[in-house]
Protein backbone atom coordinates (compact mmCIF):
# COMPACT_ATOMS: atom_id res chain seq x y z
CA MET A 1 -119.74 -26.59 62.51
CA GLY A 2 -120.77 -23.52 60.53
CA GLU A 3 -118.95 -21.26 62.96
CA ILE A 4 -115.75 -23.25 62.51
CA VAL A 5 -115.94 -22.95 58.73
CA GLN A 6 -116.63 -19.23 58.97
CA SER A 7 -113.67 -18.82 61.30
CA ILE A 8 -111.36 -20.68 58.92
CA PHE A 9 -112.51 -18.65 55.93
CA ARG A 10 -112.14 -15.42 57.91
CA THR A 11 -108.60 -16.40 58.88
CA MET A 12 -107.68 -17.41 55.33
CA GLY A 13 -109.14 -14.09 54.13
CA VAL A 14 -105.94 -12.38 55.22
CA PHE A 15 -104.39 -13.77 52.03
CA MET A 16 -106.97 -11.88 49.98
CA ALA A 17 -105.96 -8.62 51.59
CA TYR A 18 -102.23 -9.39 51.62
CA PRO A 19 -101.36 -11.87 48.83
CA TRP A 20 -97.65 -11.51 49.57
CA LEU A 21 -98.24 -13.47 52.79
CA ALA A 22 -99.34 -16.44 50.69
CA ALA A 23 -96.10 -16.10 48.74
CA VAL A 24 -94.16 -16.16 52.02
CA VAL A 25 -95.92 -19.39 53.02
CA GLY A 26 -95.08 -20.83 49.62
CA VAL A 27 -91.43 -19.87 49.80
CA LEU A 28 -91.16 -21.40 53.28
CA PHE A 29 -92.65 -24.69 52.08
CA VAL A 30 -90.35 -24.72 49.04
CA THR A 31 -87.29 -23.95 51.16
CA PHE A 32 -87.98 -26.51 53.89
CA GLY A 33 -89.16 -29.14 51.43
CA TRP A 34 -86.04 -28.69 49.29
CA LYS A 35 -83.79 -28.91 52.33
CA VAL A 36 -85.17 -32.30 53.42
CA HIS A 37 -85.84 -33.58 49.88
CA ARG A 38 -89.62 -33.70 50.27
CA TRP A 39 -90.77 -32.96 46.73
CA GLY A 40 -94.44 -33.07 47.72
CA VAL A 41 -93.79 -30.24 50.16
CA VAL A 42 -91.98 -28.31 47.44
CA THR A 43 -95.00 -28.82 45.20
CA ILE A 44 -97.33 -27.47 47.89
CA GLY A 45 -95.04 -24.45 48.19
CA VAL A 46 -95.30 -23.84 44.46
CA ILE A 47 -99.10 -24.10 44.71
CA TRP A 48 -99.06 -21.42 47.44
CA VAL A 49 -96.89 -19.15 45.27
CA LEU A 50 -99.27 -19.67 42.33
CA TYR A 51 -102.19 -18.86 44.61
CA ALA A 52 -100.41 -15.67 45.69
CA ALA A 53 -100.03 -14.66 42.04
CA TYR A 54 -103.68 -15.50 41.37
CA GLU A 55 -104.83 -13.55 44.41
CA THR A 56 -102.71 -10.59 43.39
CA GLY A 57 -104.38 -10.67 39.98
CA MET A 58 -107.80 -10.75 41.62
CA LYS A 59 -106.94 -7.91 43.97
CA GLN A 60 -105.65 -5.76 41.13
CA ARG A 61 -108.73 -6.76 39.09
CA TRP A 62 -106.61 -8.16 36.27
CA LEU A 63 -108.33 -11.55 36.42
CA CYS A 64 -111.92 -10.55 37.02
CA THR A 65 -114.36 -8.43 35.15
CA GLY A 66 -117.00 -6.72 37.20
CA GLU A 67 -117.81 -8.11 40.62
CA CYS A 68 -114.69 -9.56 42.28
CA ASN A 69 -116.12 -9.49 45.80
CA ILE A 70 -118.19 -12.68 45.42
CA ARG A 71 -115.48 -15.32 45.52
CA VAL A 72 -117.05 -18.74 45.01
CA ASP A 73 -113.66 -19.95 43.80
CA LEU A 74 -112.37 -19.80 47.36
CA LEU A 75 -114.77 -22.56 48.38
CA LEU A 76 -112.51 -24.86 46.37
CA ILE A 77 -109.15 -23.14 46.81
CA TYR A 78 -109.12 -22.75 50.60
CA PRO A 79 -109.80 -26.41 51.46
CA ILE A 80 -107.12 -27.49 49.00
CA LEU A 81 -104.58 -25.10 50.51
CA ILE A 82 -105.49 -26.02 54.08
CA LEU A 83 -105.47 -29.80 53.63
CA SER A 84 -102.33 -29.82 51.50
CA SER A 85 -100.55 -27.56 54.01
CA ILE A 86 -101.45 -29.90 56.86
CA GLY A 87 -100.07 -32.80 54.82
CA ALA A 88 -96.90 -30.86 54.03
CA ALA A 89 -96.39 -29.92 57.68
CA LEU A 90 -96.83 -33.55 58.74
CA SER A 91 -94.36 -34.63 56.06
CA LEU A 92 -91.80 -32.12 57.29
CA ARG A 93 -92.35 -33.25 60.87
CA GLY A 94 -91.82 -36.87 59.86
CA ALA A 95 -88.63 -35.98 58.01
CA ASN A 96 -87.35 -34.12 61.08
CA GLN A 97 -88.11 -37.04 63.39
CA ARG A 98 -86.35 -39.48 61.06
CA ARG A 99 -83.30 -37.23 60.91
CA GLU A 100 -83.18 -37.03 64.72
CA THR A 101 -83.47 -40.80 64.98
CA LYS A 102 -80.65 -41.33 62.48
CA SER A 103 -78.37 -38.80 64.19
CA GLY A 104 -79.08 -40.44 67.54
CA ARG A 105 -78.09 -43.86 66.19
CA GLN A 106 -74.91 -42.55 64.60
CA ARG A 107 -73.66 -41.02 67.83
CA ARG A 108 -73.65 -44.32 69.70
């Protein structure tokens, strides 16, 4: 179990090095959520964009004084981002399946 958590945190660490990638994830969630009228997904996208801004501030050392390398905050932030992203992806998948079902019914 510990190896899995370490792997997840290592993978999510890419957003520390490249905060703009978190902004890309956020913009994608906002765009897709807006398109299918899933406001929860849009909200998750906004959270990702806010995280990107926060991470940029941490990287530039605007938001931390002294030691920025010990990031206990990520123990809370990463699970929230991961779980909410899974929920958003499932919501988008459900919206897509419903749209396919409706278009299939209309064609008959």
